[in-house]
């Protein structure tokens, strides 16, 4: 065996020669993307379609009106946590992280963590509305 062969790192998953078994994320996907069908192209169009429906619904504006406090924390060099506390004291959290600390951006981290925390409110307020409708006898 030559010296080059004995000192070379073993080749692992998708050409990774560092021995970390981390897939090469820069390579083209091996299979075609999943067909989405006739879905809304973006959140703006989706929210407009929901708003146009006549029935009772939870709205982002209503949930935002119930947020009493927003707090952020940076953990290490790559993680941002957002805590949303509602006016009744209940709280939810979201987080964001980047792989490379060189890519960390406070505003981006806070925006992504806030969105994740906020998205956790939808099922909670949806349940609240469903329970109110049930108690009123609505179908």
Protein backbone atom coordinates (compact mmCIF):
# COMPACT_ATOMS: atom_id res chain seq x y z
CA UNK A 1 0.00 0.00 0.00
CA UNK A 2 1.42 3.43 -0.86
CA UNK A 3 1.82 6.21 1.69
CA UNK A 4 -0.92 8.20 -0.05
CA UNK A 5 -3.35 5.33 0.42
CA UNK A 6 -2.57 4.74 4.09
CA UNK A 7 -2.84 8.40 5.11
CA UNK A 8 -5.92 9.19 3.06
CA UNK A 9 -9.21 9.53 4.92
CA UNK A 10 -11.68 6.82 3.95
CA UNK A 11 -14.33 7.94 1.52
CA UNK A 12 -17.76 7.99 3.14
CA UNK A 13 -21.31 9.05 2.28
CA UNK A 14 -21.59 11.01 -0.96
CA UNK A 15 -17.91 11.73 -1.38
CA UNK A 16 -17.27 12.97 2.16
CA UNK A 17 -13.58 12.33 2.75
CA UNK A 18 -13.44 13.98 6.16
CA UNK A 19 -14.83 10.84 7.79
CA UNK A 20 -17.85 12.65 9.22
CA UNK A 21 -20.57 10.89 7.20
CA UNK A 22 -22.15 14.26 6.40
CA UNK A 23 -23.94 14.16 3.06
CA UNK A 24 -22.88 16.55 0.33
CA UNK A 25 -25.71 19.09 0.32
CA UNK A 26 -24.34 20.88 -2.72
CA UNK A 27 -25.03 17.93 -5.03
CA UNK A 28 -28.16 17.86 -7.16
CA UNK A 29 -31.05 15.85 -5.67
CA UNK A 30 -31.12 12.24 -6.80
CA UNK A 31 -34.85 12.19 -7.47
CA UNK A 32 -37.42 14.60 -8.85
CA UNK A 33 -39.16 16.88 -6.36
CA UNK A 34 -42.56 15.83 -5.02
CA UNK A 35 -45.40 17.22 -7.10
CA UNK A 36 -47.31 19.82 -5.07
CA UNK A 37 -50.36 19.92 -7.29
CA UNK A 38 -52.50 23.04 -7.39
CA UNK A 39 -51.34 24.68 -4.14
CA UNK A 40 -51.05 28.37 -3.33
CA UNK A 41 -47.66 29.69 -4.38
CA UNK A 42 -47.03 31.81 -1.29
CA UNK A 43 -48.35 32.70 2.15
CA UNK A 44 -49.89 35.96 0.96
CA UNK A 45 -52.16 34.22 -1.57
CA UNK A 46 -53.02 31.47 0.91
CA UNK A 47 -53.97 33.94 3.66
CA UNK A 48 -56.08 35.96 1.21
CA UNK A 49 -57.97 32.80 0.19
CA UNK A 50 -58.59 31.93 3.85
CA UNK A 51 -59.75 35.48 4.65
CA UNK A 52 -62.29 35.30 1.81
CA UNK A 53 -64.07 32.34 3.43
CA UNK A 54 -67.28 33.34 5.26
CA UNK A 55 -67.05 31.13 8.37
CA UNK A 56 -65.57 31.83 11.77
CA UNK A 57 -61.82 31.63 11.80
CA UNK A 58 -58.76 32.40 13.85
CA UNK A 59 -56.79 35.33 12.47
CA UNK A 60 -53.16 36.28 12.81
CA UNK A 61 -54.24 39.77 13.92
CA UNK A 62 -56.29 38.33 16.78
CA UNK A 63 -53.45 36.10 17.94
CA UNK A 64 -51.00 39.01 17.74
CA UNK A 65 -53.36 41.08 19.89
CA UNK A 66 -53.09 38.41 22.59
CA UNK A 67 -49.28 38.46 22.74
CA UNK A 68 -48.22 40.36 25.86
CA UNK A 69 -44.47 39.83 25.68
CA UNK A 70 -41.82 38.71 23.20
CA UNK A 71 -38.37 37.70 24.44
CA UNK A 72 -35.34 36.47 22.52
CA UNK A 73 -32.24 34.62 23.65
CA UNK A 74 -29.10 33.77 21.69
CA UNK A 75 -27.55 30.44 22.65
CA UNK A 76 -23.94 29.80 21.71
CA UNK A 77 -23.08 31.21 18.28
CA UNK A 78 -25.82 29.76 16.13
CA UNK A 79 -29.15 29.41 17.97
CA UNK A 80 -31.91 31.95 18.60
CA UNK A 81 -34.91 31.19 20.83
CA UNK A 82 -38.10 33.23 20.87
CA UNK A 83 -40.62 33.08 23.71
CA UNK A 84 -44.12 34.50 23.16
CA UNK A 85 -46.12 35.05 26.33
CA UNK A 86 -49.86 35.56 25.92
CA UNK A 87 -51.97 37.89 28.01
CA UNK A 88 -53.21 34.91 30.04
CA UNK A 89 -49.65 33.90 30.96
CA UNK A 90 -49.35 30.90 28.64
CA UNK A 91 -46.19 30.84 26.53
CA UNK A 92 -44.79 29.10 23.47
CA UNK A 93 -41.28 28.99 22.08
CA UNK A 94 -39.67 28.74 18.68
CA UNK A 95 -36.08 28.45 17.66
CA UNK A 96 -33.79 28.88 14.71
CA UNK A 97 -30.25 27.77 14.10
CA UNK A 98 -27.62 28.05 11.44
CA UNK A 99 -24.96 25.44 10.82
CA UNK A 100 -22.03 27.80 10.32
CA UNK A 101 -21.53 30.61 12.88
CA UNK A 102 -20.30 32.80 10.00
CA UNK A 103 -23.89 32.79 8.69
CA UNK A 104 -25.48 33.89 11.98
CA UNK A 105 -27.60 37.00 11.65
CA UNK A 106 -29.56 38.22 14.67
CA UNK A 107 -32.47 39.66 12.68
CA UNK A 108 -32.84 36.52 10.55
CA UNK A 109 -32.60 34.28 13.63
CA UNK A 110 -35.20 36.28 15.52
CA UNK A 111 -37.54 36.36 12.52
CA UNK A 112 -37.39 32.60 12.01
CA UNK A 113 -37.71 31.83 15.74
CA UNK A 114 -40.69 34.22 16.06
CA UNK A 115 -42.42 32.62 13.07
CA UNK A 116 -41.93 29.13 14.52
CA UNK A 117 -43.28 30.22 17.92
CA UNK A 118 -46.20 32.08 16.31
CA UNK A 119 -47.09 29.04 14.19
CA UNK A 120 -47.54 27.06 17.42
CA UNK A 121 -50.41 29.41 18.35
CA UNK A 122 -52.64 28.38 15.40
CA UNK A 123 -53.69 24.98 16.79
CA UNK A 124 -54.16 26.43 20.29
CA UNK A 125 -56.45 29.21 19.13
CA UNK A 126 -58.12 26.83 16.67
CA UNK A 127 -59.00 24.53 19.55
CA UNK A 128 -60.28 27.52 21.54
CA UNK A 129 -62.59 28.56 18.68
CA UNK A 130 -63.77 24.99 18.08
CA UNK A 131 -64.59 24.61 21.79
CA UNK A 132 -66.53 27.89 21.81
CA UNK A 133 -68.50 26.80 18.74
CA UNK A 134 -69.23 23.43 20.33
CA UNK A 135 -70.44 25.02 23.56
CA UNK A 136 -72.74 27.33 21.55
CA UNK A 137 -74.15 24.35 19.68
CA UNK A 138 -72.76 25.51 16.33
CA UNK A 139 -72.24 22.89 13.64
